Structures are given as C-alpha cells and as structure tokens.
Amino acid sequence: MAQVFVKPGEPLDIALKRFKKTLQQEGTLKIARAHEFYEKKSDRIRKEKESRRRKMKLQNSETPMAQ
C-alpha cells in the first residue's frame, strides 16, 4: 500500500496529489478497477484479443509502406 507522509505546513491537497501519483505509479488503481466487477474468462480473453487487434492496426497504419 502506498504511503505519503504530510510534511509540516504542507497543504492537504498537495499531499493528496502526491498520494494519487504514487498509486498510479504502483498500478494500484488499475488493479483495483480490474477487480471491481467479476469478468468471465471468455470476456477477458475477447477484450485482450480486441486490444491486440487495435494495437496492430494502429501500428500498421503508422508505419509507412515500402513500395
């Protein structure tokens, strides 16, 4: 779990901003959102395939075609 210590005289909103940044760097929010709802294995696999397909399509469209 991420910990952020509030320095003396530091506003709470700045400490909260640092806390959110550490959570994002650790990937804690991503994991928590993934486990928020149950997802069937077949649905997870389908999403991964679609994601790979999108990435390949984007990568192919960015690469100039050699003639």
N, C-alpha and C. Protein backbone atom coordinates (compact mmCIF):
# COMPACT_ATOMS: atom_id res chain seq x y z
N MET A 1 0.85 -1.18 0.00
CA MET A 1 0.00 0.00 0.00
C MET A 1 0.88 1.23 0.00
N ALA A 2 0.51 2.20 -0.76
CA ALA A 2 1.28 3.44 -0.86
C ALA A 2 1.10 4.28 0.38
N GLN A 3 2.17 4.91 0.79
CA GLN A 3 2.13 5.81 1.94
C GLN A 3 2.72 7.15 1.54
N VAL A 4 2.08 8.19 1.98
CA VAL A 4 2.58 9.55 1.78
C VAL A 4 2.48 10.24 3.12
N PHE A 5 3.59 10.77 3.58
CA PHE A 5 3.61 11.48 4.85
C PHE A 5 3.45 12.97 4.59
N VAL A 6 2.52 13.57 5.30
CA VAL A 6 2.26 15.01 5.15
C VAL A 6 3.34 15.77 5.90
N LYS A 7 4.02 16.61 5.17
CA LYS A 7 5.09 17.41 5.77
C LYS A 7 4.49 18.55 6.59
N PRO A 8 5.20 19.01 7.59
CA PRO A 8 4.66 20.12 8.39
C PRO A 8 4.44 21.37 7.52
N GLY A 9 3.26 21.92 7.62
CA GLY A 9 2.92 23.13 6.87
C GLY A 9 2.52 22.85 5.42
N GLU A 10 2.46 21.58 5.02
CA GLU A 10 2.09 21.24 3.64
C GLU A 10 0.58 21.17 3.52
N PRO A 11 0.01 21.82 2.51
CA PRO A 11 -1.44 21.73 2.33
C PRO A 11 -1.86 20.29 2.02
N LEU A 12 -3.04 19.95 2.48
CA LEU A 12 -3.53 18.59 2.33
C LEU A 12 -3.76 18.23 0.85
N ASP A 13 -4.17 19.20 0.04
CA ASP A 13 -4.43 18.89 -1.37
C ASP A 13 -3.15 18.52 -2.11
N ILE A 14 -2.02 19.08 -1.74
CA ILE A 14 -0.74 18.72 -2.37
C ILE A 14 -0.33 17.31 -1.95
N ALA A 15 -0.54 16.98 -0.68
CA ALA A 15 -0.23 15.64 -0.20
C ALA A 15 -1.13 14.61 -0.89
N LEU A 16 -2.38 14.96 -1.10
CA LEU A 16 -3.32 14.07 -1.79
C LEU A 16 -2.88 13.86 -3.23
N LYS A 17 -2.39 14.91 -3.87
CA LYS A 17 -1.90 14.82 -5.24
C LYS A 17 -0.70 13.88 -5.31
N ARG A 18 0.22 13.97 -4.34
CA ARG A 18 1.37 13.08 -4.31
C ARG A 18 0.93 11.63 -4.08
N PHE A 19 -0.09 11.44 -3.22
CA PHE A 19 -0.61 10.10 -2.94
C PHE A 19 -1.20 9.48 -4.21
N LYS A 20 -1.99 10.25 -4.94
CA LYS A 20 -2.59 9.74 -6.17
C LYS A 20 -1.52 9.38 -7.19
N LYS A 21 -0.46 10.18 -7.24
CA LYS A 21 0.63 9.92 -8.18
C LYS A 21 1.34 8.62 -7.83
N THR A 22 1.58 8.37 -6.54
CA THR A 22 2.24 7.13 -6.15
C THR A 22 1.34 5.92 -6.42
N LEU A 23 0.03 6.07 -6.21
CA LEU A 23 -0.90 4.98 -6.52
C LEU A 23 -0.84 4.63 -8.00
N GLN A 24 -0.80 5.64 -8.84
CA GLN A 24 -0.78 5.41 -10.28
C GLN A 24 0.53 4.77 -10.70
N GLN A 25 1.65 5.19 -10.12
CA GLN A 25 2.94 4.63 -10.47
C GLN A 25 3.03 3.16 -10.05
N GLU A 26 2.43 2.81 -8.92
CA GLU A 26 2.45 1.43 -8.46
C GLU A 26 1.47 0.56 -9.24
N GLY A 27 0.49 1.15 -9.87
CA GLY A 27 -0.51 0.39 -10.60
C GLY A 27 -1.64 -0.09 -9.73
N THR A 28 -1.75 0.45 -8.53
CA THR A 28 -2.78 0.02 -7.58
C THR A 28 -4.18 0.33 -8.10
N LEU A 29 -4.37 1.50 -8.68
CA LEU A 29 -5.70 1.87 -9.18
C LEU A 29 -6.13 0.97 -10.34
N LYS A 30 -5.20 0.64 -11.20
CA LYS A 30 -5.51 -0.21 -12.34
C LYS A 30 -5.96 -1.59 -11.87
N ILE A 31 -5.28 -2.13 -10.88
CA ILE A 31 -5.64 -3.44 -10.34
C ILE A 31 -7.00 -3.37 -9.64
N ALA A 32 -7.22 -2.31 -8.88
CA ALA A 32 -8.49 -2.18 -8.16
C ALA A 32 -9.66 -2.07 -9.13
N ARG A 33 -9.48 -1.34 -10.20
CA ARG A 33 -10.55 -1.20 -11.19
C ARG A 33 -10.79 -2.51 -11.92
N ALA A 34 -9.73 -3.28 -12.14
CA ALA A 34 -9.88 -4.57 -12.81
C ALA A 34 -10.67 -5.55 -11.94
N HIS A 35 -10.55 -5.44 -10.63
CA HIS A 35 -11.24 -6.35 -9.72
C HIS A 35 -12.54 -5.77 -9.18
N GLU A 36 -12.97 -4.65 -9.72
CA GLU A 36 -14.19 -4.02 -9.22
C GLU A 36 -15.41 -4.90 -9.49
N PHE A 37 -15.47 -5.50 -10.68
CA PHE A 37 -16.55 -6.38 -11.07
C PHE A 37 -15.97 -7.68 -11.59
N TYR A 38 -16.71 -8.77 -11.40
CA TYR A 38 -16.25 -10.05 -11.92
C TYR A 38 -16.37 -10.05 -13.43
N GLU A 39 -15.33 -10.56 -14.07
CA GLU A 39 -15.33 -10.65 -15.52
C GLU A 39 -15.03 -12.10 -15.90
N LYS A 40 -15.91 -12.66 -16.72
CA LYS A 40 -15.71 -14.05 -17.13
C LYS A 40 -14.42 -14.17 -17.92
N LYS A 41 -13.83 -15.35 -17.87
CA LYS A 41 -12.57 -15.58 -18.56
C LYS A 41 -12.72 -15.37 -20.06
N SER A 42 -13.83 -15.81 -20.63
CA SER A 42 -14.04 -15.66 -22.07
C SER A 42 -14.15 -14.19 -22.46
N ASP A 43 -14.79 -13.38 -21.60
CA ASP A 43 -14.88 -11.94 -21.88
C ASP A 43 -13.52 -11.28 -21.79
N ARG A 44 -12.73 -11.69 -20.79
CA ARG A 44 -11.38 -11.12 -20.63
C ARG A 44 -10.51 -11.45 -21.84
N ILE A 45 -10.59 -12.69 -22.32
CA ILE A 45 -9.80 -13.10 -23.48
C ILE A 45 -10.24 -12.33 -24.72
N ARG A 46 -11.56 -12.14 -24.87
CA ARG A 46 -12.09 -11.40 -26.02
C ARG A 46 -11.58 -9.95 -26.01
N LYS A 47 -11.58 -9.33 -24.82
CA LYS A 47 -11.08 -7.96 -24.72
C LYS A 47 -9.60 -7.88 -25.05
N GLU A 48 -8.83 -8.86 -24.60
CA GLU A 48 -7.40 -8.86 -24.88
C GLU A 48 -7.14 -9.01 -26.37
N LYS A 49 -7.91 -9.87 -27.04
CA LYS A 49 -7.77 -10.05 -28.49
C LYS A 49 -8.10 -8.76 -29.22
N GLU A 50 -9.19 -8.11 -28.82
CA GLU A 50 -9.58 -6.86 -29.47
C GLU A 50 -8.52 -5.79 -29.25
N SER A 51 -7.96 -5.76 -28.07
CA SER A 51 -6.92 -4.79 -27.76
C SER A 51 -5.68 -5.04 -28.63
N ARG A 52 -5.28 -6.30 -28.75
CA ARG A 52 -4.14 -6.63 -29.60
C ARG A 52 -4.41 -6.25 -31.05
N ARG A 53 -5.64 -6.51 -31.51
CA ARG A 53 -6.01 -6.20 -32.89
C ARG A 53 -5.93 -4.69 -33.13
N ARG A 54 -6.44 -3.89 -32.16
CA ARG A 54 -6.39 -2.44 -32.28
C ARG A 54 -4.94 -1.94 -32.33
N LYS A 55 -4.10 -2.50 -31.46
CA LYS A 55 -2.69 -2.08 -31.42
C LYS A 55 -1.99 -2.41 -32.73
N MET A 56 -2.24 -3.59 -33.27
CA MET A 56 -1.62 -3.98 -34.54
C MET A 56 -2.11 -3.07 -35.68
N LYS A 57 -3.39 -2.76 -35.67
CA LYS A 57 -3.95 -1.90 -36.71
C LYS A 57 -3.34 -0.51 -36.62
N LEU A 58 -3.21 0.01 -35.41
CA LEU A 58 -2.60 1.32 -35.22
C LEU A 58 -1.13 1.30 -35.63
N GLN A 59 -0.43 0.24 -35.26
CA GLN A 59 0.98 0.13 -35.61
C GLN A 59 1.17 0.04 -37.12
N ASN A 60 0.30 -0.71 -37.79
CA ASN A 60 0.39 -0.85 -39.25
C ASN A 60 0.05 0.46 -39.96
N SER A 61 -0.85 1.23 -39.40
CA SER A 61 -1.23 2.47 -40.06
C SER A 61 -0.16 3.55 -39.87
N GLU A 62 0.60 3.46 -38.78
CA GLU A 62 1.68 4.44 -38.56
C GLU A 62 2.91 4.14 -39.39
N THR A 63 3.16 2.88 -39.71
CA THR A 63 4.35 2.52 -40.44
C THR A 63 4.15 2.82 -41.92
N PRO A 64 5.08 3.59 -42.52
CA PRO A 64 4.94 3.87 -43.95
C PRO A 64 5.19 2.60 -44.76
N MET A 65 4.39 2.43 -45.77
CA MET A 65 4.50 1.23 -46.60
C MET A 65 5.61 1.41 -47.63
N ALA A 66 6.49 0.45 -47.75
CA ALA A 66 7.59 0.48 -48.71
C ALA A 66 7.06 0.01 -50.07
N GLN A 67 7.39 0.75 -51.10
CA GLN A 67 6.91 0.38 -52.43
C GLN A 67 8.04 -0.05 -53.32
